[in-house]
Protein backbone atom coordinates (compact mmCIF):
# COMPACT_ATOMS: atom_id res chain seq x y z
CA MET A 1 6.70 -8.97 -20.48
CA LYS A 2 4.71 -5.87 -19.53
CA LYS A 3 2.70 -7.87 -16.97
CA ILE A 4 5.86 -9.32 -15.45
CA LEU A 5 7.39 -5.87 -15.08
CA LEU A 6 4.17 -4.55 -13.58
CA LEU A 7 3.94 -7.26 -10.96
CA SER A 8 7.62 -6.83 -10.18
CA SER A 9 7.07 -3.16 -9.55
CA LEU A 10 4.18 -4.05 -7.26
CA LEU A 11 6.54 -6.05 -5.12
CA LEU A 12 8.68 -2.89 -4.95
CA THR A 13 11.93 -4.75 -5.44
CA SER A 14 14.60 -2.07 -5.34
CA PRO A 15 16.91 -3.71 -7.94
CA LEU A 16 14.21 -3.23 -10.57
CA LEU A 17 13.22 0.28 -9.50
CA GLN A 18 16.85 1.39 -9.28
CA ALA A 19 18.19 -0.40 -12.34
CA ASN A 20 20.02 2.77 -13.35
CA ASP A 21 20.68 6.24 -11.98
CA THR A 22 17.92 7.84 -14.05
CA SER A 23 15.24 5.58 -12.53
CA HIS A 24 16.31 5.98 -8.90
CA TRP A 25 13.59 7.66 -6.86
CA SER A 26 13.11 8.78 -3.30
CA TYR A 27 10.75 10.73 -1.06
CA SER A 28 12.83 13.92 -0.98
CA GLY A 29 15.33 15.97 -2.93
CA HIS A 30 16.06 15.83 -6.65
CA ALA A 31 14.52 12.34 -6.93
CA GLY A 32 11.52 13.22 -4.78
CA PRO A 33 7.81 12.96 -5.66
CA GLN A 34 7.62 16.28 -7.51
CA HIS A 35 10.28 14.98 -9.93
CA TRP A 36 9.21 11.35 -10.39
CA ALA A 37 7.67 11.89 -13.82
CA GLU A 38 10.93 13.47 -15.01
CA LEU A 39 13.22 10.69 -13.83
CA SER A 40 12.32 8.11 -16.47
CA THR A 41 9.92 7.66 -19.36
CA ASP A 42 8.69 4.61 -17.44
CA TYR A 43 7.43 7.02 -14.76
CA ALA A 44 5.42 9.29 -17.06
CA SER A 45 2.18 8.18 -15.39
CA CYS A 46 3.30 9.97 -12.21
CA ALA A 47 2.07 13.17 -13.91
CA GLY A 48 -1.33 11.64 -14.74
CA LEU A 49 -4.77 12.89 -13.77
CA ASN A 50 -5.84 9.83 -11.74
CA GLN A 51 -3.03 9.58 -9.23
CA SER A 52 -2.99 8.36 -5.64
CA PRO A 53 -3.03 9.18 -2.79
CA ILE A 54 -5.93 11.62 -2.42
CA ASN A 55 -7.90 13.38 0.27
CA LEU A 56 -11.13 11.38 0.44
CA THR A 57 -13.93 13.91 0.73
CA GLY A 58 -17.05 15.05 -1.12
CA PHE A 59 -18.42 11.53 -0.93
CA ILE A 60 -21.14 10.21 -3.23
CA GLU A 61 -23.62 7.72 -1.77
CA ALA A 62 -23.49 4.42 -3.65
CA ASP A 63 -24.64 0.83 -3.32
CA LEU A 64 -21.22 -0.65 -2.59
CA LYS A 65 -21.27 -4.43 -2.40
CA PRO A 66 -19.22 -6.04 0.39
CA ILE A 67 -15.73 -7.17 -0.55
CA ASP A 68 -15.51 -10.95 -0.31
CA PHE A 69 -12.31 -11.57 1.66
CA SER A 70 -10.79 -15.02 1.42
CA TYR A 71 -7.56 -14.66 3.39
CA GLN A 72 -5.50 -17.43 4.94
CA PRO A 73 -2.37 -17.04 7.09
CA GLY A 74 0.32 -16.53 4.47
CA GLY A 75 2.67 -13.68 5.37
CA TYR A 76 5.98 -15.51 5.15
CA GLN A 77 8.65 -12.85 4.58
CA PHE A 78 9.29 -9.34 5.94
CA ILE A 79 11.52 -7.20 3.74
CA ASN A 80 12.98 -3.69 3.76
CA ASN A 81 13.55 -2.38 0.23
CA GLY A 82 14.60 1.12 1.21
CA HIS A 83 11.19 2.60 0.40
CA THR A 84 8.96 0.61 2.75
CA VAL A 85 8.80 -2.49 4.91
CA GLN A 86 6.67 -5.14 3.31
CA ILE A 87 5.18 -8.53 4.15
CA ASN A 88 5.21 -10.87 1.16
CA TYR A 89 2.32 -13.31 1.00
CA LYS A 90 2.01 -16.92 -0.10
CA LYS A 91 -0.46 -17.81 -2.85
CA GLY A 92 -3.96 -18.82 -1.85
CA SER A 93 -5.46 -15.63 -0.40
CA SER A 94 -7.70 -13.30 -2.38
CA ILE A 95 -10.58 -10.85 -2.48
CA LYS A 96 -13.54 -10.92 -4.84
CA ILE A 97 -15.02 -7.64 -6.04
CA ASP A 98 -16.87 -6.69 -9.23
CA GLY A 99 -17.13 -10.44 -9.88
CA ILE A 100 -13.33 -10.66 -10.20
CA ASP A 101 -10.86 -12.56 -8.04
CA PHE A 102 -7.78 -10.56 -7.03
CA ASN A 103 -4.91 -12.47 -5.42
CA LEU A 104 -3.13 -10.96 -2.42
CA LEU A 105 0.55 -10.42 -3.27
CA GLN A 106 1.83 -8.42 -0.32
CA PHE A 107 1.04 -5.68 2.12
CA HIS A 108 3.28 -2.80 3.12
CA PHE A 109 3.22 0.32 5.26
CA HIS A 110 3.40 4.09 4.93
CA VAL A 111 4.26 6.36 7.87
CA PRO A 112 2.37 8.67 8.08
CA SER A 113 -0.67 7.74 5.98
CA GLU A 114 -0.71 8.61 2.29
CA ASN A 115 -4.46 8.99 1.83
CA HIS A 116 -6.34 11.42 4.03
CA ILE A 117 -10.01 11.18 5.03
CA ASN A 118 -11.82 14.51 5.24
CA GLY A 119 -8.44 16.18 5.55
CA LYS A 120 -7.21 13.93 8.36
CA SER A 121 -3.82 12.22 8.21
CA TYR A 122 -3.20 9.03 10.21
CA PRO A 123 0.02 7.80 11.87
CA MET A 124 0.25 4.75 9.60
CA GLU A 125 -1.49 3.23 6.57
CA ALA A 126 -1.24 -0.33 5.25
CA HIS A 127 -1.76 -1.21 1.59
CA PHE A 128 -2.89 -4.75 0.77
CA VAL A 129 -1.91 -5.15 -2.88
CA HIS A 130 -3.81 -7.57 -5.13
CA ALA A 131 -3.73 -8.51 -8.81
CA ASP A 132 -6.08 -10.53 -11.01
CA THR A 133 -4.89 -12.97 -13.69
CA ASN A 134 -4.71 -10.15 -16.23
CA GLY A 135 -2.52 -7.95 -14.05
CA ASN A 136 -5.31 -5.57 -13.04
CA LEU A 137 -4.70 -4.15 -9.59
CA ALA A 138 -6.76 -3.66 -6.44
CA VAL A 139 -5.51 -2.10 -3.21
CA VAL A 140 -7.25 -2.33 0.16
CA ALA A 141 -6.04 0.49 2.41
CA LEU A 142 -6.27 0.44 6.20
CA MET A 143 -5.61 3.41 8.50
CA PHE A 144 -4.03 3.01 11.93
CA GLU A 145 -4.45 5.23 14.97
CA GLU A 146 -2.15 5.22 17.99
CA GLY A 147 -3.55 3.21 20.87
CA LYS A 148 -3.34 -0.42 21.94
CA LYS A 149 -0.68 -2.77 20.62
CA ASN A 150 -1.67 -4.51 17.40
CA LYS A 151 -1.46 -8.20 18.31
CA GLU A 152 -1.14 -9.63 14.80
CA LEU A 153 1.44 -7.11 13.65
CA ALA A 154 3.36 -7.74 16.88
CA LYS A 155 4.14 -11.21 15.50
CA ALA A 156 5.77 -9.58 12.46
CA TRP A 157 7.36 -6.66 14.33
CA LYS A 158 9.59 -9.19 16.15
CA TYR A 159 11.27 -9.70 12.77
CA MET A 160 11.29 -6.05 11.65
CA PRO A 161 13.91 -5.65 8.86
CA GLU A 162 15.77 -2.58 10.08
CA SER A 163 18.12 -1.95 7.14
CA GLU A 164 17.61 -1.70 3.39
CA GLY A 165 17.99 -5.14 1.81
CA ASP A 166 17.10 -7.07 4.97
CA LYS A 167 14.78 -10.05 4.45
CA ASN A 168 13.47 -11.92 7.47
CA LYS A 169 11.45 -15.12 7.55
CA LEU A 170 8.20 -14.89 9.51
CA ASN A 171 7.26 -17.63 11.94
CA PRO A 172 4.37 -18.09 12.49
CA LEU A 173 2.83 -16.95 9.22
CA ILE A 174 1.06 -13.59 9.48
CA ASP A 175 -2.69 -13.56 8.93
CA ALA A 176 -3.82 -10.50 6.95
CA ASN A 177 -7.37 -11.30 7.96
CA ALA A 178 -6.47 -10.68 11.62
CA VAL A 179 -4.94 -7.30 10.77
CA LEU A 180 -8.18 -6.00 9.25
CA PRO A 181 -11.06 -4.88 11.49
CA ALA A 182 -14.30 -6.84 11.68
CA ASN A 183 -16.24 -3.98 10.06
CA ARG A 184 -14.97 -3.71 6.49
CA ASP A 185 -17.23 -1.03 5.04
CA TYR A 186 -15.18 1.06 2.67
CA TYR A 187 -14.76 4.10 0.46
CA ARG A 188 -13.94 3.51 -3.19
CA PHE A 189 -12.15 5.47 -5.89
CA ASN A 190 -10.05 4.90 -8.99
CA GLY A 191 -6.38 5.76 -8.69
CA SER A 192 -2.82 4.62 -9.17
CA LEU A 193 0.15 3.07 -7.46
CA THR A 194 1.58 5.60 -5.02
CA THR A 195 5.17 4.86 -6.04
CA PRO A 196 6.86 4.82 -9.46
CA PRO A 197 5.83 3.79 -12.06
CA CYS A 198 2.55 5.29 -10.66
CA THR A 199 0.48 2.94 -12.83
CA GLU A 200 -3.13 4.12 -13.14
CA GLY A 201 -6.31 2.04 -13.35
CA VAL A 202 -5.97 0.75 -9.78
CA ARG A 203 -9.14 -0.01 -7.83
CA TRP A 204 -8.83 1.55 -4.36
CA PHE A 205 -10.86 0.41 -1.34
CA VAL A 206 -10.21 2.37 1.85
CA ILE A 207 -11.59 0.68 4.96
CA LYS A 208 -13.64 3.12 7.04
CA GLN A 209 -12.85 1.50 10.39
CA THR A 210 -9.35 2.19 11.71
CA ALA A 211 -7.03 -0.30 13.40
CA SER A 212 -4.86 0.31 16.45
CA ILE A 213 -1.08 0.38 16.77
CA SER A 214 0.95 1.21 19.86
CA LYS A 215 3.39 4.08 20.30
CA GLU A 216 6.22 1.54 20.63
CA GLN A 217 5.22 -0.24 17.40
CA LEU A 218 5.15 3.08 15.54
CA LYS A 219 8.57 3.95 16.92
CA LYS A 220 9.98 0.65 15.68
CA ILE A 221 8.73 1.00 12.11
CA LYS A 222 9.89 4.63 11.94
CA HIS A 223 13.35 3.48 13.01
CA ALA A 224 13.39 0.84 10.26
CA LEU A 225 12.26 3.29 7.56
CA HIS A 226 14.59 6.14 8.63
CA HIS A 227 12.34 8.63 6.80
CA GLN A 228 8.70 9.37 6.10
CA ASN A 229 7.46 7.40 3.08
CA ASN A 230 4.21 9.09 2.14
CA ARG A 231 3.67 10.57 -1.31
CA PRO A 232 1.96 13.99 -1.12
CA ILE A 233 -1.78 14.22 -1.74
CA GLN A 234 -2.67 14.30 -5.44
CA ALA A 235 -5.46 16.26 -7.11
CA THR A 236 -8.75 14.39 -7.30
CA HIS A 237 -9.85 16.16 -10.52
CA ALA A 238 -13.19 14.77 -11.73
CA ARG A 239 -12.99 11.47 -9.87
CA ALA A 240 -15.85 10.34 -7.65
CA VAL A 241 -15.22 9.01 -4.13
CA LEU A 242 -17.97 6.54 -3.33
CA LYS A 243 -19.19 5.55 0.11
C-alpha cells in the first residue's frame, strides 16, 4: 500500500494530494512551502535535512558513469493538476544507473526553475520522474533558457491543458529523448520530491547542458499555471554535489 501511495503522489494527482482540507497545499499563503510540514503528518518529511531543490555549488569531482537512456516516444497525455502541467508516459522507457533500471513515469515543469546552478535560476525546469520496481525514485532535471522554439515540446504545447483538471490526449506521442540535449553530462546529489509528501532518498541527476524554449512557449505555460510553481531553495547541509 505504501508503494502505491508513493507512486500516486509521484503522478501528482490532485484528488490524492487534496483528499481533505488538512492535506491541501499550495505555493503561497497558509498552505505554502514554509507550512507544508505542518499541514499533515504525511508531509513531515518536508522538514527533513535532505530536501530538494538546492543551489548546486561547491562541486566535488567524481567519476560519474553515463546514464543509460532507453527512451521511446511515449508521452500520451498532458494534464493540469493545479500544481503543474505534466506529460504522462507509456510503459517501456527507462534509464539505467547504478546498475538499476528506473522506468519513466512522467515529466512535468516548474516555472521558474526550482534548482539553481551556482546561484543561477532558469526560466523553466523539467523533471523526468522515474521509479524502479521497489519504488525507489530517480529524477532527471533539465534547465531551459529562453531562445529558439523547442520543436518537440511544440508538439505538446498545441494541447496545453489551460485549466486545473484538464486532460488532453497527445498526438503524436511525445519523445522525451528529443527533449533532452545530446550532451547528457550531469551533476548528482541526493534529495527529495519537491512537492508534498517531500519523500527523501531520491536520486537527482541535473543535466549540465540547457535546452531552449521560446518566449511564446514560456508565456503559454505561465498562462496555464496561473502562478509560479517553484519550491524555495532548501539547505544543502552536509550533502555532496558531484560533477
